Amino acid sequence: MRGFLPRRRWPSTCVVSYVPDSRTETSYNEPTVMWRMRRGDGLAMLMHLVIVPTPAGATAMWFVNGRELGMRDFAQWSDAIAWSDRVRDQNWTVGWRITSDNN
């Protein structure tokens, strides 16, 4: 027979697609810079705050000119974020201003 090709069998891994039955949970588990600030009065001072995930929740660490000034532990990320916002707002009232990541 002309044009007859034998039937090929594909390996089962090529034919069947396995998809998990349930959604897998995704999480972001890296240190996160929440904000960077510069003194508004022209002093060469930079501050930033980083939240780091921990098995018990999160730790917030703040730095001035690259030197760690302190750290605080939180039971939940949301508590660390709320505290970060309060520190940012407090710094704003005494002359610190938000700066871009490139400065």
N, C-alpha and C. Protein backbone atom coordinates (compact mmCIF):
# COMPACT_ATOMS: atom_id res chain seq x y z
N MET A 1 0.84 -1.19 0.00
CA MET A 1 0.00 0.00 0.00
C MET A 1 0.87 1.23 0.00
N ARG A 2 0.55 2.08 -0.91
CA ARG A 2 1.29 3.34 -0.97
C ARG A 2 0.77 4.31 0.07
N GLY A 3 1.68 5.09 0.68
CA GLY A 3 1.29 6.12 1.63
C GLY A 3 0.87 5.60 2.99
N PHE A 4 1.01 4.34 3.20
CA PHE A 4 0.61 3.79 4.50
C PHE A 4 1.78 3.91 5.47
N LEU A 5 1.49 4.56 6.62
CA LEU A 5 2.48 4.66 7.67
C LEU A 5 2.01 3.83 8.84
N PRO A 6 2.90 3.10 9.44
CA PRO A 6 2.47 2.34 10.61
C PRO A 6 2.04 3.29 11.73
N ARG A 7 1.08 2.86 12.48
CA ARG A 7 0.57 3.68 13.59
C ARG A 7 1.64 3.78 14.67
N ARG A 8 1.92 5.02 15.07
CA ARG A 8 2.93 5.24 16.10
C ARG A 8 2.25 5.39 17.44
N ARG A 9 2.88 4.91 18.45
CA ARG A 9 2.36 5.05 19.82
C ARG A 9 3.23 6.07 20.55
N TRP A 10 2.59 7.08 21.09
CA TRP A 10 3.30 8.09 21.87
C TRP A 10 3.46 7.60 23.29
N PRO A 11 4.57 7.93 23.91
CA PRO A 11 4.72 7.58 25.33
C PRO A 11 3.61 8.25 26.14
N SER A 12 3.15 7.58 27.16
CA SER A 12 2.01 8.09 27.93
C SER A 12 2.30 9.46 28.55
N THR A 13 3.55 9.77 28.84
CA THR A 13 3.87 11.07 29.43
C THR A 13 3.64 12.20 28.45
N CYS A 14 3.63 11.91 27.17
CA CYS A 14 3.39 12.95 26.17
C CYS A 14 1.91 13.16 25.92
N VAL A 15 1.11 12.20 26.21
CA VAL A 15 -0.31 12.27 25.89
C VAL A 15 -1.14 12.78 27.06
N VAL A 16 -0.82 12.34 28.24
CA VAL A 16 -1.63 12.67 29.41
C VAL A 16 -0.99 13.83 30.16
N SER A 17 -1.78 14.84 30.44
CA SER A 17 -1.30 15.97 31.21
C SER A 17 -1.82 15.85 32.64
N TYR A 18 -0.92 15.91 33.58
CA TYR A 18 -1.32 15.80 34.98
C TYR A 18 -1.41 17.19 35.60
N VAL A 19 -2.56 17.52 36.12
CA VAL A 19 -2.80 18.80 36.76
C VAL A 19 -3.24 18.52 38.19
N PRO A 20 -2.69 19.23 39.16
CA PRO A 20 -3.12 18.98 40.54
C PRO A 20 -4.61 19.25 40.71
N ASP A 21 -5.25 18.47 41.59
CA ASP A 21 -6.68 18.63 41.83
C ASP A 21 -7.00 19.92 42.58
N SER A 22 -6.08 20.39 43.40
CA SER A 22 -6.35 21.61 44.16
C SER A 22 -5.31 22.67 43.83
N ARG A 23 -5.67 23.91 44.09
CA ARG A 23 -4.74 25.00 43.86
C ARG A 23 -3.61 24.92 44.88
N THR A 24 -2.43 25.25 44.43
CA THR A 24 -1.32 25.30 45.37
C THR A 24 -1.18 26.73 45.87
N GLU A 25 -0.90 26.86 47.14
CA GLU A 25 -0.77 28.17 47.74
C GLU A 25 0.56 28.78 47.35
N THR A 26 0.53 30.04 46.95
CA THR A 26 1.77 30.74 46.65
C THR A 26 2.03 31.75 47.76
N SER A 27 3.28 32.00 47.98
CA SER A 27 3.63 32.99 48.99
C SER A 27 4.90 33.70 48.58
N TYR A 28 5.01 34.93 49.03
CA TYR A 28 6.21 35.71 48.82
C TYR A 28 6.99 35.63 50.11
N ASN A 29 8.19 35.14 50.04
CA ASN A 29 8.94 34.84 51.25
C ASN A 29 10.33 35.47 51.21
N GLU A 30 10.41 36.73 50.78
CA GLU A 30 11.69 37.41 50.66
C GLU A 30 11.67 38.70 51.47
N PRO A 31 12.83 39.19 51.89
CA PRO A 31 12.87 40.50 52.54
C PRO A 31 12.33 41.57 51.60
N THR A 32 11.60 42.53 52.17
CA THR A 32 10.95 43.56 51.37
C THR A 32 11.28 44.94 51.92
N VAL A 33 11.82 45.81 51.07
CA VAL A 33 12.03 47.20 51.46
C VAL A 33 10.68 47.90 51.39
N MET A 34 10.21 48.40 52.53
CA MET A 34 8.89 49.03 52.58
C MET A 34 8.94 50.47 52.11
N TRP A 35 9.98 51.19 52.47
CA TRP A 35 10.14 52.57 52.04
C TRP A 35 11.58 53.01 52.23
N ARG A 36 11.93 54.09 51.52
CA ARG A 36 13.23 54.76 51.66
C ARG A 36 12.93 56.24 51.86
N MET A 37 13.66 56.87 52.77
CA MET A 37 13.45 58.28 53.04
C MET A 37 14.78 59.01 53.10
N ARG A 38 14.72 60.31 52.80
CA ARG A 38 15.89 61.19 52.84
C ARG A 38 15.52 62.40 53.68
N ARG A 39 16.49 62.94 54.40
CA ARG A 39 16.21 64.14 55.18
C ARG A 39 15.85 65.28 54.24
N GLY A 40 14.80 66.01 54.56
CA GLY A 40 14.35 67.12 53.73
C GLY A 40 15.16 68.39 53.92
N ASP A 41 16.01 68.45 54.95
CA ASP A 41 16.78 69.66 55.24
C ASP A 41 18.14 69.70 54.55
N GLY A 42 18.38 68.78 53.62
CA GLY A 42 19.62 68.79 52.86
C GLY A 42 20.74 67.96 53.47
N LEU A 43 20.55 67.42 54.66
CA LEU A 43 21.57 66.55 55.24
C LEU A 43 21.67 65.26 54.43
N ALA A 44 22.86 64.72 54.32
CA ALA A 44 23.06 63.49 53.55
C ALA A 44 22.71 62.28 54.41
N MET A 45 21.44 62.14 54.73
CA MET A 45 20.99 61.02 55.56
C MET A 45 19.89 60.26 54.83
N LEU A 46 20.07 58.95 54.75
CA LEU A 46 19.08 58.06 54.13
C LEU A 46 18.60 57.06 55.16
N MET A 47 17.31 56.76 55.14
CA MET A 47 16.72 55.76 56.03
C MET A 47 15.88 54.82 55.18
N HIS A 48 15.89 53.55 55.56
CA HIS A 48 14.97 52.60 54.93
C HIS A 48 14.56 51.54 55.94
N LEU A 49 13.42 50.92 55.67
CA LEU A 49 12.89 49.89 56.55
C LEU A 49 12.62 48.63 55.74
N VAL A 50 13.06 47.50 56.27
CA VAL A 50 12.93 46.20 55.60
C VAL A 50 12.12 45.28 56.50
N ILE A 51 11.17 44.56 55.89
CA ILE A 51 10.44 43.52 56.62
C ILE A 51 10.93 42.16 56.10
N VAL A 52 11.30 41.30 57.03
CA VAL A 52 11.85 39.98 56.70
C VAL A 52 10.91 38.91 57.26
N PRO A 53 10.50 37.93 56.44
CA PRO A 53 9.65 36.85 56.96
C PRO A 53 10.44 35.96 57.92
N THR A 54 9.76 35.49 58.94
CA THR A 54 10.35 34.55 59.90
C THR A 54 9.35 33.43 60.14
N PRO A 55 9.78 32.31 60.67
CA PRO A 55 8.82 31.23 60.97
C PRO A 55 7.73 31.67 61.95
N ALA A 56 8.04 32.65 62.79
CA ALA A 56 7.06 33.11 63.79
C ALA A 56 6.25 34.32 63.31
N GLY A 57 6.50 34.83 62.10
CA GLY A 57 5.77 36.00 61.60
C GLY A 57 6.65 36.86 60.72
N ALA A 58 7.14 37.99 61.27
CA ALA A 58 7.99 38.90 60.50
C ALA A 58 8.84 39.73 61.45
N THR A 59 9.97 40.20 60.92
CA THR A 59 10.83 41.11 61.66
C THR A 59 11.02 42.36 60.82
N ALA A 60 10.86 43.53 61.45
CA ALA A 60 11.12 44.80 60.78
C ALA A 60 12.47 45.31 61.25
N MET A 61 13.29 45.71 60.29
CA MET A 61 14.61 46.27 60.60
C MET A 61 14.71 47.62 59.92
N TRP A 62 15.23 48.63 60.64
CA TRP A 62 15.38 49.93 60.02
C TRP A 62 16.84 50.35 60.07
N PHE A 63 17.22 51.10 59.02
CA PHE A 63 18.61 51.46 58.79
C PHE A 63 18.72 52.96 58.50
N VAL A 64 19.81 53.58 58.94
CA VAL A 64 20.15 54.95 58.56
C VAL A 64 21.56 54.90 57.98
N ASN A 65 21.68 55.43 56.77
CA ASN A 65 22.96 55.41 56.04
C ASN A 65 23.58 54.02 56.01
N GLY A 66 22.74 52.99 55.83
CA GLY A 66 23.20 51.62 55.69
C GLY A 66 23.53 50.91 57.00
N ARG A 67 23.39 51.59 58.13
CA ARG A 67 23.67 50.97 59.43
C ARG A 67 22.37 50.64 60.12
N GLU A 68 22.29 49.40 60.61
CA GLU A 68 21.07 48.98 61.30
C GLU A 68 20.93 49.74 62.62
N LEU A 69 19.76 50.35 62.81
CA LEU A 69 19.47 51.06 64.05
C LEU A 69 18.69 50.20 65.02
N GLY A 70 17.87 49.30 64.49
CA GLY A 70 17.07 48.46 65.37
C GLY A 70 16.24 47.46 64.61
N MET A 71 15.58 46.62 65.39
CA MET A 71 14.69 45.61 64.80
C MET A 71 13.56 45.33 65.78
N ARG A 72 12.45 44.87 65.21
CA ARG A 72 11.28 44.55 66.02
C ARG A 72 10.58 43.35 65.42
N ASP A 73 10.20 42.40 66.27
CA ASP A 73 9.52 41.18 65.82
C ASP A 73 8.00 41.35 65.91
N PHE A 74 7.31 40.71 64.95
CA PHE A 74 5.85 40.76 64.89
C PHE A 74 5.32 39.35 64.64
N ALA A 75 4.14 39.08 65.16
CA ALA A 75 3.51 37.77 64.98
C ALA A 75 2.93 37.61 63.57
N GLN A 76 2.60 38.73 62.91
CA GLN A 76 2.00 38.67 61.57
C GLN A 76 2.59 39.76 60.68
N TRP A 77 2.59 39.47 59.37
CA TRP A 77 3.04 40.46 58.39
C TRP A 77 2.22 41.73 58.48
N SER A 78 0.91 41.59 58.65
CA SER A 78 0.04 42.77 58.67
C SER A 78 0.42 43.71 59.81
N ASP A 79 0.81 43.17 60.96
CA ASP A 79 1.24 44.01 62.08
C ASP A 79 2.54 44.74 61.74
N ALA A 80 3.45 44.06 61.08
CA ALA A 80 4.73 44.68 60.70
C ALA A 80 4.50 45.79 59.67
N ILE A 81 3.59 45.57 58.74
CA ILE A 81 3.30 46.59 57.73
C ILE A 81 2.64 47.81 58.37
N ALA A 82 1.69 47.59 59.27
CA ALA A 82 1.02 48.70 59.95
C ALA A 82 2.04 49.51 60.75
N TRP A 83 2.96 48.84 61.44
CA TRP A 83 3.97 49.53 62.21
C TRP A 83 4.91 50.32 61.30
N SER A 84 5.28 49.71 60.16
CA SER A 84 6.12 50.39 59.17
C SER A 84 5.47 51.68 58.69
N ASP A 85 4.17 51.63 58.45
CA ASP A 85 3.45 52.83 58.01
C ASP A 85 3.46 53.91 59.09
N ARG A 86 3.32 53.52 60.35
CA ARG A 86 3.35 54.50 61.44
C ARG A 86 4.73 55.15 61.56
N VAL A 87 5.80 54.35 61.44
CA VAL A 87 7.15 54.90 61.51
C VAL A 87 7.38 55.86 60.35
N ARG A 88 6.95 55.48 59.14
CA ARG A 88 7.10 56.36 57.97
C ARG A 88 6.38 57.69 58.20
N ASP A 89 5.14 57.63 58.70
CA ASP A 89 4.37 58.85 58.94
C ASP A 89 5.02 59.71 60.02
N GLN A 90 5.53 59.08 61.06
CA GLN A 90 6.20 59.82 62.13
C GLN A 90 7.46 60.51 61.59
N ASN A 91 8.24 59.79 60.78
CA ASN A 91 9.44 60.38 60.19
C ASN A 91 9.09 61.57 59.30
N TRP A 92 7.98 61.46 58.57
CA TRP A 92 7.54 62.55 57.69
C TRP A 92 7.31 63.82 58.51
N THR A 93 6.71 63.68 59.67
CA THR A 93 6.40 64.87 60.48
C THR A 93 7.64 65.57 61.01
N VAL A 94 8.79 64.89 61.07
CA VAL A 94 10.02 65.53 61.56
C VAL A 94 11.01 65.82 60.43
N GLY A 95 10.55 65.81 59.19
CA GLY A 95 11.38 66.28 58.09
C GLY A 95 11.92 65.27 57.10
N TRP A 96 11.64 63.98 57.29
CA TRP A 96 12.09 62.97 56.33
C TRP A 96 11.12 62.96 55.16
N ARG A 97 11.62 62.68 53.95
CA ARG A 97 10.78 62.62 52.75
C ARG A 97 11.05 61.33 51.99
N ILE A 98 9.99 60.78 51.39
CA ILE A 98 10.09 59.55 50.59
C ILE A 98 11.01 59.81 49.39
N THR A 99 11.85 58.85 49.09
CA THR A 99 12.75 58.93 47.95
C THR A 99 12.59 57.68 47.11
N SER A 100 13.05 57.74 45.87
CA SER A 100 12.94 56.59 44.97
C SER A 100 13.99 55.55 45.33
N ASP A 101 13.83 54.35 44.77
CA ASP A 101 14.79 53.26 45.01
C ASP A 101 16.15 53.56 44.40
N ASN A 102 16.20 54.46 43.42
CA ASN A 102 17.45 54.73 42.70
C ASN A 102 18.35 55.72 43.41
N ASN A 103 17.87 56.39 44.42
CA ASN A 103 18.70 57.39 45.11
C ASN A 103 19.54 56.79 46.19
